[in-house]
Amino acid sequence: MYIITVVFSVYKKKLEEFSLLVNKQALDSLTKESDCHTFDVAIGEEEGGIVPFFLYEIYSTKASFDAHLVSDHFSEFSEKTANMVAKKEVNSWNKIN
């Protein structure tokens, strides 16, 4: 399994709009991508006008995740949220058990 973690630092004034879009992205990924097995979204506490969102995604393989990156729903999400995000950190992991 191939695991992706993402931390979005979202401007507080964009919190509600981003929440709707990221939840739609999670649902789209789970329903439209057969190799997306998990797409969890968590929210942290606001600090200094920034609200952190943590995404935990599991794909069958790296190729499955690469396909996710070129999907229409990913492109739409990225475009719509670009001005809502102060910072984005993405990490990839390979499950060992």
PDB file of N, CA and C in Angstrom:
ATOM      1  N   MET A   1       0.829  -1.183   0.000  1.00  0.00           N
ATOM      2  CA  MET A   1       0.000   0.000   0.000  1.00  0.00           C
ATOM      3  C   MET A   1       0.878   1.252   0.000  1.00  0.00           C
ATOM      4  N   TYR A   2       0.380   2.279  -0.658  1.00  0.00           N
ATOM      5  CA  TYR A   2       1.085   3.542  -0.794  1.00  0.00           C
ATOM      6  C   TYR A   2       0.275   4.596  -0.046  1.00  0.00           C
ATOM      7  N   ILE A   3       0.902   5.260   0.906  1.00  0.00           N
ATOM      8  CA  ILE A   3       0.203   6.187   1.789  1.00  0.00           C
ATOM      9  C   ILE A   3       0.693   7.612   1.536  1.00  0.00           C
ATOM     10  N   ILE A   4      -0.266   8.522   1.490  1.00  0.00           N
ATOM     11  CA  ILE A   4       0.025   9.942   1.339  1.00  0.00           C
ATOM     12  C   ILE A   4      -0.532  10.680   2.547  1.00  0.00           C
ATOM     13  N   THR A   5       0.275  11.567   3.120  1.00  0.00           N
ATOM     14  CA  THR A   5      -0.222  12.482   4.134  1.00  0.00           C
ATOM     15  C   THR A   5      -0.023  13.903   3.620  1.00  0.00           C
ATOM     16  N   VAL A   6      -1.020  14.721   3.867  1.00  0.00           N
ATOM     17  CA  VAL A   6      -0.968  16.110   3.421  1.00  0.00           C
ATOM     18  C   VAL A   6      -1.403  16.993   4.579  1.00  0.00           C
ATOM     19  N   VAL A   7      -0.672  18.069   4.789  1.00  0.00           N
ATOM     20  CA  VAL A   7      -1.115  19.092   5.729  1.00  0.00           C
ATOM     21  C   VAL A   7      -1.303  20.385   4.946  1.00  0.00           C
ATOM     22  N   PHE A   8      -2.547  20.848   4.943  1.00  0.00           N
ATOM     23  CA  PHE A   8      -2.882  22.132   4.342  1.00  0.00           C
ATOM     24  C   PHE A   8      -2.975  23.160   5.462  1.00  0.00           C
ATOM     25  N   SER A   9      -2.336  24.300   5.289  1.00  0.00           N
ATOM     26  CA  SER A   9      -2.495  25.435   6.202  1.00  0.00           C
ATOM     27  C   SER A   9      -3.451  26.402   5.504  1.00  0.00           C
ATOM     28  N   VAL A  10      -4.685  26.441   5.998  1.00  0.00           N
ATOM     29  CA  VAL A  10      -5.771  27.153   5.324  1.00  0.00           C
ATOM     30  C   VAL A  10      -6.074  28.460   6.057  1.00  0.00           C
ATOM     31  N   TYR A  11      -6.269  29.525   5.279  1.00  0.00           N
ATOM     32  CA  TYR A  11      -6.647  30.810   5.868  1.00  0.00           C
ATOM     33  C   TYR A  11      -8.008  30.672   6.554  1.00  0.00           C
ATOM     34  N   LYS A  12      -8.093  31.152   7.788  1.00  0.00           N
ATOM     35  CA  LYS A  12      -9.319  31.011   8.580  1.00  0.00           C
ATOM     36  C   LYS A  12     -10.543  31.542   7.836  1.00  0.00           C
ATOM     37  N   LYS A  13     -10.395  32.634   7.103  1.00  0.00           N
ATOM     38  CA  LYS A  13     -11.535  33.215   6.392  1.00  0.00           C
ATOM     39  C   LYS A  13     -12.033  32.301   5.262  1.00  0.00           C
ATOM     40  N   LYS A  14     -11.246  31.296   4.889  1.00  0.00           N
ATOM     41  CA  LYS A  14     -11.630  30.349   3.828  1.00  0.00           C
ATOM     42  C   LYS A  14     -12.014  28.982   4.390  1.00  0.00           C
ATOM     43  N   LEU A  15     -12.115  28.875   5.712  1.00  0.00           N
ATOM     44  CA  LEU A  15     -12.344  27.609   6.400  1.00  0.00           C
ATOM     45  C   LEU A  15     -13.574  26.857   5.892  1.00  0.00           C
ATOM     46  N   GLU A  16     -14.724  27.489   5.868  1.00  0.00           N
ATOM     47  CA  GLU A  16     -15.956  26.804   5.464  1.00  0.00           C
ATOM     48  C   GLU A  16     -15.897  26.340   4.014  1.00  0.00           C
ATOM     49  N   GLU A  17     -15.441  27.205   3.125  1.00  0.00           N
ATOM     50  CA  GLU A  17     -15.360  26.869   1.707  1.00  0.00           C
ATOM     51  C   GLU A  17     -14.370  25.718   1.476  1.00  0.00           C
ATOM     52  N   PHE A  18     -13.213  25.788   2.117  1.00  0.00           N
ATOM     53  CA  PHE A  18     -12.226  24.726   1.969  1.00  0.00           C
ATOM     54  C   PHE A  18     -12.769  23.415   2.525  1.00  0.00           C
ATOM     55  N   SER A  19     -13.435  23.465   3.670  1.00  0.00           N
ATOM     56  CA  SER A  19     -14.006  22.254   4.272  1.00  0.00           C
ATOM     57  C   SER A  19     -14.942  21.532   3.303  1.00  0.00           C
ATOM     58  N   LEU A  20     -15.810  22.275   2.662  1.00  0.00           N
ATOM     59  CA  LEU A  20     -16.735  21.674   1.694  1.00  0.00           C
ATOM     60  C   LEU A  20     -15.976  21.036   0.527  1.00  0.00           C
ATOM     61  N   LEU A  21     -14.998  21.755   0.009  1.00  0.00           N
ATOM     62  CA  LEU A  21     -14.254  21.261  -1.153  1.00  0.00           C
ATOM     63  C   LEU A  21     -13.379  20.055  -0.813  1.00  0.00           C
ATOM     64  N   VAL A  22     -12.735  20.047   0.340  1.00  0.00           N
ATOM     65  CA  VAL A  22     -11.865  18.919   0.683  1.00  0.00           C
ATOM     66  C   VAL A  22     -12.696  17.670   0.977  1.00  0.00           C
ATOM     67  N   ASN A  23     -13.866  17.853   1.581  1.00  0.00           N
ATOM     68  CA  ASN A  23     -14.734  16.691   1.809  1.00  0.00           C
ATOM     69  C   ASN A  23     -15.272  16.132   0.501  1.00  0.00           C
ATOM     70  N   LYS A  24     -15.570  17.004  -0.457  1.00  0.00           N
ATOM     71  CA  LYS A  24     -15.992  16.543  -1.784  1.00  0.00           C
ATOM     72  C   LYS A  24     -14.846  15.805  -2.470  1.00  0.00           C
ATOM     73  N   GLN A  25     -13.640  16.320  -2.317  1.00  0.00           N
ATOM     74  CA  GLN A  25     -12.463  15.672  -2.902  1.00  0.00           C
ATOM     75  C   GLN A  25     -12.273  14.270  -2.332  1.00  0.00           C
ATOM     76  N   ALA A  26     -12.455  14.123  -1.038  1.00  0.00           N
ATOM     77  CA  ALA A  26     -12.332  12.807  -0.398  1.00  0.00           C
ATOM     78  C   ALA A  26     -13.375  11.849  -0.968  1.00  0.00           C
ATOM     79  N   LEU A  27     -14.622  12.290  -1.045  1.00  0.00           N
ATOM     80  CA  LEU A  27     -15.693  11.449  -1.576  1.00  0.00           C
ATOM     81  C   LEU A  27     -15.441  11.093  -3.038  1.00  0.00           C
ATOM     82  N   ASP A  28     -15.053  12.072  -3.841  1.00  0.00           N
ATOM     83  CA  ASP A  28     -14.759  11.810  -5.257  1.00  0.00           C
ATOM     84  C   ASP A  28     -13.630  10.789  -5.406  1.00  0.00           C
ATOM     85  N   SER A  29     -12.594  10.937  -4.613  1.00  0.00           N
ATOM     86  CA  SER A  29     -11.463  10.015  -4.706  1.00  0.00           C
ATOM     87  C   SER A  29     -11.887   8.596  -4.357  1.00  0.00           C
ATOM     88  N   LEU A  30     -12.681   8.456  -3.310  1.00  0.00           N
ATOM     89  CA  LEU A  30     -13.125   7.125  -2.875  1.00  0.00           C
ATOM     90  C   LEU A  30     -14.108   6.486  -3.846  1.00  0.00           C
ATOM     91  N   THR A  31     -14.947   7.288  -4.483  1.00  0.00           N
ATOM     92  CA  THR A  31     -15.975   6.722  -5.368  1.00  0.00           C
ATOM     93  C   THR A  31     -15.528   6.615  -6.825  1.00  0.00           C
ATOM     94  N   LYS A  32     -14.602   7.434  -7.237  1.00  0.00           N
ATOM     95  CA  LYS A  32     -14.183   7.454  -8.645  1.00  0.00           C
ATOM     96  C   LYS A  32     -12.865   6.735  -8.910  1.00  0.00           C
ATOM     97  N   GLU A  33     -12.131   6.400  -7.848  1.00  0.00           N
ATOM     98  CA  GLU A  33     -10.831   5.755  -7.996  1.00  0.00           C
ATOM     99  C   GLU A  33     -10.850   4.421  -7.253  1.00  0.00           C
ATOM    100  N   SER A  34     -10.855   3.346  -7.993  1.00  0.00           N
ATOM    101  CA  SER A  34     -10.947   2.027  -7.358  1.00  0.00           C
ATOM    102  C   SER A  34      -9.714   1.690  -6.513  1.00  0.00           C
ATOM    103  N   ASP A  35      -8.586   2.319  -6.781  1.00  0.00           N
ATOM    104  CA  ASP A  35      -7.365   2.049  -6.021  1.00  0.00           C
ATOM    105  C   ASP A  35      -7.132   3.029  -4.873  1.00  0.00           C
ATOM    106  N   CYS A  36      -8.130   3.877  -4.587  1.00  0.00           N
ATOM    107  CA  CYS A  36      -8.080   4.737  -3.402  1.00  0.00           C
ATOM    108  C   CYS A  36      -8.908   4.044  -2.325  1.00  0.00           C
ATOM    109  N   HIS A  37      -8.243   3.575  -1.274  1.00  0.00           N
ATOM    110  CA  HIS A  37      -8.902   2.773  -0.241  1.00  0.00           C
ATOM    111  C   HIS A  37      -9.304   3.578   0.987  1.00  0.00           C
ATOM    112  N   THR A  38      -8.578   4.643   1.252  1.00  0.00           N
ATOM    113  CA  THR A  38      -8.857   5.488   2.416  1.00  0.00           C
ATOM    114  C   THR A  38      -8.572   6.927   2.039  1.00  0.00           C
ATOM    115  N   PHE A  39      -9.447   7.813   2.490  1.00  0.00           N
ATOM    116  CA  PHE A  39      -9.202   9.247   2.306  1.00  0.00           C
ATOM    117  C   PHE A  39      -9.849   9.954   3.490  1.00  0.00           C
ATOM    118  N   ASP A  40      -9.078  10.083   4.556  1.00  0.00           N
ATOM    119  CA  ASP A  40      -9.569  10.706   5.787  1.00  0.00           C
ATOM    120  C   ASP A  40      -9.135  12.162   5.851  1.00  0.00           C
ATOM    121  N   VAL A  41     -10.019  12.990   6.399  1.00  0.00           N
ATOM    122  CA  VAL A  41      -9.742  14.414   6.567  1.00  0.00           C
ATOM    123  C   VAL A  41      -9.944  14.773   8.036  1.00  0.00           C
ATOM    124  N   ALA A  42      -8.953  15.444   8.613  1.00  0.00           N
ATOM    125  CA  ALA A  42      -9.052  15.917   9.995  1.00  0.00           C
ATOM    126  C   ALA A  42      -8.694  17.403  10.027  1.00  0.00           C
ATOM    127  N   ILE A  43      -9.250  18.080  11.020  1.00  0.00           N
ATOM    128  CA  ILE A  43      -8.995  19.515  11.157  1.00  0.00           C
ATOM    129  C   ILE A  43      -8.364  19.782  12.515  1.00  0.00           C
ATOM    130  N   GLY A  44      -7.422  20.718  12.530  1.00  0.00           N
ATOM    131  CA  GLY A  44      -6.768  21.097  13.772  1.00  0.00           C
ATOM    132  C   GLY A  44      -7.313  22.415  14.299  1.00  0.00           C
ATOM    133  N   GLU A  45      -6.651  22.926  15.301  1.00  0.00           N
ATOM    134  CA  GLU A  45      -7.076  24.181  15.918  1.00  0.00           C
ATOM    135  C   GLU A  45      -6.428  25.372  15.229  1.00  0.00           C
ATOM    136  N   GLU A  46      -7.213  26.410  15.067  1.00  0.00           N
ATOM    137  CA  GLU A  46      -6.753  27.647  14.431  1.00  0.00           C
ATOM    138  C   GLU A  46      -5.669  28.305  15.287  1.00  0.00           C
ATOM    139  N   GLU A  47      -4.667  28.806  14.602  1.00  0.00           N
ATOM    140  CA  GLU A  47      -3.603  29.548  15.277  1.00  0.00           C
ATOM    141  C   GLU A  47      -3.112  30.643  14.343  1.00  0.00           C
ATOM    142  N   GLY A  48      -3.205  31.860  14.776  1.00  0.00           N
ATOM    143  CA  GLY A  48      -2.710  32.981  13.980  1.00  0.00           C
ATOM    144  C   GLY A  48      -3.421  33.150  12.653  1.00  0.00           C
ATOM    145  N   GLY A  49      -4.698  32.840  12.612  1.00  0.00           N
ATOM    146  CA  GLY A  49      -5.467  32.999  11.377  1.00  0.00           C
ATOM    147  C   GLY A  49      -5.318  31.856  10.388  1.00  0.00           C
ATOM    148  N   ILE A  50      -4.646  30.780  10.807  1.00  0.00           N
ATOM    149  CA  ILE A  50      -4.428  29.609   9.953  1.00  0.00           C
ATOM    150  C   ILE A  50      -5.048  28.377  10.617  1.00  0.00           C
ATOM    151  N   VAL A  51      -5.740  27.579   9.821  1.00  0.00           N
ATOM    152  CA  VAL A  51      -6.358  26.351  10.311  1.00  0.00           C
ATOM    153  C   VAL A  51      -5.724  25.175   9.569  1.00  0.00           C
ATOM    154  N   PRO A  52      -5.130  24.223  10.306  1.00  0.00           N
ATOM    155  CA  PRO A  52      -4.521  23.068   9.638  1.00  0.00           C
ATOM    156  C   PRO A  52      -5.558  21.986   9.325  1.00  0.00           C
ATOM    157  N   PHE A  53      -5.419  21.412   8.140  1.00  0.00           N
ATOM    158  CA  PHE A  53      -6.185  20.242   7.731  1.00  0.00           C
ATOM    159  C   PHE A  53      -5.193  19.123   7.460  1.00  0.00           C
ATOM    160  N   PHE A  54      -5.477  17.941   7.965  1.00  0.00           N
ATOM    161  CA  PHE A  54      -4.616  16.783   7.775  1.00  0.00           C
ATOM    162  C   PHE A  54      -5.363  15.748   6.939  1.00  0.00           C
ATOM    163  N   LEU A  55      -4.744  15.317   5.831  1.00  0.00           N
ATOM    164  CA  LEU A  55      -5.326  14.287   4.971  1.00  0.00           C
ATOM    165  C   LEU A  55      -4.482  13.031   5.060  1.00  0.00           C
ATOM    166  N   TYR A  56      -5.153  11.892   5.157  1.00  0.00           N
ATOM    167  CA  TYR A  56      -4.507  10.578   5.209  1.00  0.00           C
ATOM    168  C   TYR A  56      -5.143   9.735   4.115  1.00  0.00           C
ATOM    169  N   GLU A  57      -4.341   9.394   3.108  1.00  0.00           N
ATOM    170  CA  GLU A  57      -4.858   8.704   1.934  1.00  0.00           C
ATOM    171  C   GLU A  57      -4.081   7.404   1.715  1.00  0.00           C
ATOM    172  N   ILE A  58      -4.794   6.349   1.372  1.00  0.00           N
ATOM    173  CA  ILE A  58      -4.143   5.074   1.059  1.00  0.00           C
ATOM    174  C   ILE A  58      -4.542   4.647  -0.343  1.00  0.00           C
ATOM    175  N   TYR A  59      -3.534   4.375  -1.158  1.00  0.00           N
ATOM    176  CA  TYR A  59      -3.701   3.904  -2.536  1.00  0.00           C
ATOM    177  C   TYR A  59      -3.038   2.536  -2.673  1.00  0.00           C
ATOM    178  N   SER A  60      -3.427   1.792  -3.671  1.00  0.00           N
ATOM    179  CA  SER A  60      -2.835   0.468  -3.896  1.00  0.00           C
ATOM    180  C   SER A  60      -1.345   0.567  -4.185  1.00  0.00           C
ATOM    181  N   THR A  61      -0.981   1.507  -5.034  1.00  0.00           N
ATOM    182  CA  THR A  61       0.410   1.649  -5.483  1.00  0.00           C
ATOM    183  C   THR A  61       0.726   3.130  -5.727  1.00  0.00           C
ATOM    184  N   LYS A  62       1.988   3.430  -5.942  1.00  0.00           N
ATOM    185  CA  LYS A  62       2.373   4.794  -6.324  1.00  0.00           C
ATOM    186  C   LYS A  62       1.721   5.174  -7.645  1.00  0.00           C
ATOM    187  N   ALA A  63       1.638   4.233  -8.570  1.00  0.00           N
ATOM    188  CA  ALA A  63       0.983   4.502  -9.860  1.00  0.00           C
ATOM    189  C   ALA A  63      -0.484   4.892  -9.660  1.00  0.00           C
ATOM    190  N   SER A  64      -1.131   4.294  -8.675  1.00  0.00           N
ATOM    191  CA  SER A  64      -2.522   4.652  -8.362  1.00  0.00           C
ATOM    192  C   SER A  64      -2.613   6.097  -7.897  1.00  0.00           C
ATOM    193  N   PHE A  65      -1.659   6.505  -7.072  1.00  0.00           N
ATOM    194  CA  PHE A  65      -1.637   7.888  -6.608  1.00  0.00           C
ATOM    195  C   PHE A  65      -1.309   8.829  -7.765  1.00  0.00           C
ATOM    196  N   ASP A  66      -0.382   8.444  -8.619  1.00  0.00           N
ATOM    197  CA  ASP A  66      -0.044   9.268  -9.781  1.00  0.00           C
ATOM    198  C   ASP A  66      -1.271   9.480 -10.668  1.00  0.00           C
ATOM    199  N   ALA A  67      -2.106   8.446 -10.807  1.00  0.00           N
ATOM    200  CA  ALA A  67      -3.354   8.576 -11.574  1.00  0.00           C
ATOM    201  C   ALA A  67      -4.299   9.561 -10.877  1.00  0.00           C
ATOM    202  N   HIS A  68      -4.321   9.530  -9.570  1.00  0.00           N
ATOM    203  CA  HIS A  68      -5.137  10.479  -8.789  1.00  0.00           C
ATOM    204  C   HIS A  68      -4.736  11.916  -9.120  1.00  0.00           C
ATOM    205  N   LEU A  69      -3.427  12.151  -9.222  1.00  0.00           N
ATOM    206  CA  LEU A  69      -2.926  13.507  -9.465  1.00  0.00           C
ATOM    207  C   LEU A  69      -3.333  14.082 -10.812  1.00  0.00           C
ATOM    208  N   VAL A  70      -3.678  13.241 -11.772  1.00  0.00           N
ATOM    209  CA  VAL A  70      -4.085  13.729 -13.095  1.00  0.00           C
ATOM    210  C   VAL A  70      -5.592  13.591 -13.323  1.00  0.00           C
ATOM    211  N   SER A  71      -6.317  13.223 -12.274  1.00  0.00           N
ATOM    212  CA  SER A  71      -7.773  13.093 -12.407  1.00  0.00           C
ATOM    213  C   SER A  71      -8.425  14.472 -12.513  1.00  0.00           C
ATOM    214  N   ASP A  72      -9.581  14.518 -13.147  1.00  0.00           N
ATOM    215  CA  ASP A  72     -10.313  15.780 -13.284  1.00  0.00           C
ATOM    216  C   ASP A  72     -10.706  16.348 -11.927  1.00  0.00           C
ATOM    217  N   HIS A  73     -11.157  15.485 -11.024  1.00  0.00           N
ATOM    218  CA  HIS A  73     -11.601  16.002  -9.725  1.00  0.00           C
ATOM    219  C   HIS A  73     -10.441  16.557  -8.908  1.00  0.00           C
ATOM    220  N   PHE A  74      -9.243  15.970  -9.024  1.00  0.00           N
ATOM    221  CA  PHE A  74      -8.075  16.523  -8.334  1.00  0.00           C
ATOM    222  C   PHE A  74      -7.702  17.881  -8.919  1.00  0.00           C
ATOM    223  N   SER A  75      -7.690  17.980 -10.244  1.00  0.00           N
ATOM    224  CA  SER A  75      -7.354  19.250 -10.899  1.00  0.00           C
ATOM    225  C   SER A  75      -8.332  20.346 -10.497  1.00  0.00           C
ATOM    226  N   GLU A  76      -9.614  20.006 -10.452  1.00  0.00           N
ATOM    227  CA  GLU A  76     -10.639  20.977 -10.065  1.00  0.00           C
ATOM    228  C   GLU A  76     -10.445  21.419  -8.611  1.00  0.00           C
ATOM    229  N   PHE A  77     -10.201  20.463  -7.727  1.00  0.00           N
ATOM    230  CA  PHE A  77      -9.968  20.783  -6.320  1.00  0.00           C
ATOM    231  C   PHE A  77      -8.744  21.693  -6.165  1.00  0.00           C
ATOM    232  N   SER A  78      -7.665  21.351  -6.816  1.00  0.00           N
ATOM    233  CA  SER A  78      -6.429  22.142  -6.715  1.00  0.00           C
ATOM    234  C   SER A  78      -6.645  23.569  -7.202  1.00  0.00           C
ATOM    235  N   GLU A  79      -7.356  23.701  -8.301  1.00  0.00           N
ATOM    236  CA  GLU A  79      -7.607  25.025  -8.866  1.00  0.00           C
ATOM    237  C   GLU A  79      -8.485  25.871  -7.932  1.00  0.00           C
ATOM    238  N   LYS A  80      -9.549  25.258  -7.428  1.00  0.00           N
ATOM    239  CA  LYS A  80     -10.497  26.002  -6.587  1.00  0.00           C
ATOM    240  C   LYS A  80      -9.923  26.374  -5.235  1.00  0.00           C
ATOM    241  N   THR A  81      -8.975  25.610  -4.713  1.00  0.00           N
ATOM    242  CA  THR A  81      -8.458  25.856  -3.365  1.00  0.00           C
ATOM    243  C   THR A  81      -7.117  26.586  -3.337  1.00  0.00           C
ATOM    244  N   ALA A  82      -6.525  26.836  -4.473  1.00  0.00           N
ATOM    245  CA  ALA A  82      -5.179  27.423  -4.521  1.00  0.00           C
ATOM    246  C   ALA A  82      -5.063  28.711  -3.704  1.00  0.00           C
ATOM    247  N   ASN A  83      -6.071  29.576  -3.760  1.00  0.00           N
ATOM    248  CA  ASN A  83      -5.990  30.857  -3.049  1.00  0.00           C
ATOM    249  C   ASN A  83      -6.441  30.752  -1.585  1.00  0.00           C
ATOM    250  N   MET A  84      -6.789  29.543  -1.130  1.00  0.00           N
ATOM    251  CA  MET A  84      -7.245  29.342   0.241  1.00  0.00           C
ATOM    252  C   MET A  84      -6.121  28.829   1.146  1.00  0.00           C
ATOM    253  N   VAL A  85      -5.016  28.432   0.532  1.00  0.00           N
ATOM    254  CA  VAL A  85      -3.970  27.699   1.230  1.00  0.00           C
ATOM    255  C   VAL A  85      -2.700  28.542   1.344  1.00  0.00           C
ATOM    256  N   ALA A  86      -2.236  28.701   2.588  1.00  0.00           N
ATOM    257  CA  ALA A  86      -0.982  29.419   2.822  1.00  0.00           C
ATOM    258  C   ALA A  86       0.216  28.507   2.586  1.00  0.00           C
ATOM    259  N   LYS A  87       0.038  27.211   2.886  1.00  0.00           N
ATOM    260  CA  LYS A  87       1.140  26.254   2.785  1.00  0.00           C
ATOM    261  C   LYS A  87       0.550  24.859   2.622  1.00  0.00           C
ATOM    262  N   LYS A  88       1.282  24.011   1.912  1.00  0.00           N
ATOM    263  CA  LYS A  88       0.865  22.620   1.712  1.00  0.00           C
ATOM    264  C   LYS A  88       2.101  21.740   1.833  1.00  0.00           C
ATOM    265  N   GLU A  89       2.010  20.717   2.667  1.00  0.00           N
ATOM    266  CA  GLU A  89       3.116  19.770   2.843  1.00  0.00           C
ATOM    267  C   GLU A  89       2.612  18.371   2.533  1.00  0.00           C
ATOM    268  N   VAL A  90       3.275  17.708   1.583  1.00  0.00           N
ATOM    269  CA  VAL A  90       2.886  16.360   1.155  1.00  0.00           C
ATOM    270  C   VAL A  90       4.033  15.406   1.452  1.00  0.00           C
ATOM    271  N   ASN A  91       3.690  14.268   2.047  1.00  0.00           N
ATOM    272  CA  ASN A  91       4.669  13.213   2.313  1.00  0.00           C
ATOM    273  C   ASN A  91       4.113  11.882   1.831  1.00  0.00           C
ATOM    274  N   SER A  92       4.994  11.020   1.356  1.00  0.00           N
ATOM    275  CA  SER A  92       4.578   9.697   0.893  1.00  0.00           C
ATOM    276  C   SER A  92       5.248   8.629   1.756  1.00  0.00           C
ATOM    277  N   TRP A  93       4.533   7.490   1.890  1.00  0.00           N
ATOM    278  CA  TRP A  93       4.967   6.422   2.766  1.00  0.00           C
ATOM    279  C   TRP A  93       4.646   5.083   2.103  1.00  0.00           C
ATOM    280  N   ASN A  94       5.429   4.077   2.402  1.00  0.00           N
ATOM    281  CA  ASN A  94       5.147   2.719   1.959  1.00  0.00           C
ATOM    282  C   ASN A  94       4.857   1.868   3.188  1.00  0.00           C
ATOM    283  N   LYS A  95       3.702   1.230   3.202  1.00  0.00           N
ATOM    284  CA  LYS A  95       3.307   0.404   4.338  1.00  0.00           C
ATOM    285  C   LYS A  95       4.232  -0.815   4.416  1.00  0.00           C
ATOM    286  N   ILE A  96       4.696  -1.146   5.619  1.00  0.00           N
ATOM    287  CA  ILE A  96       5.661  -2.240   5.748  1.00  0.00           C
ATOM    288  C   ILE A  96       5.066  -3.496   6.372  1.00  0.00           C
ATOM    289  N   ASN A  97       3.821  -3.478   6.786  1.00  0.00           N
ATOM    290  CA  ASN A  97       3.226  -4.712   7.333  1.00  0.00           C
ATOM    291  C   ASN A  97       1.839  -4.936   6.784  1.00  0.00           C
TER     292      ASN A  97
END
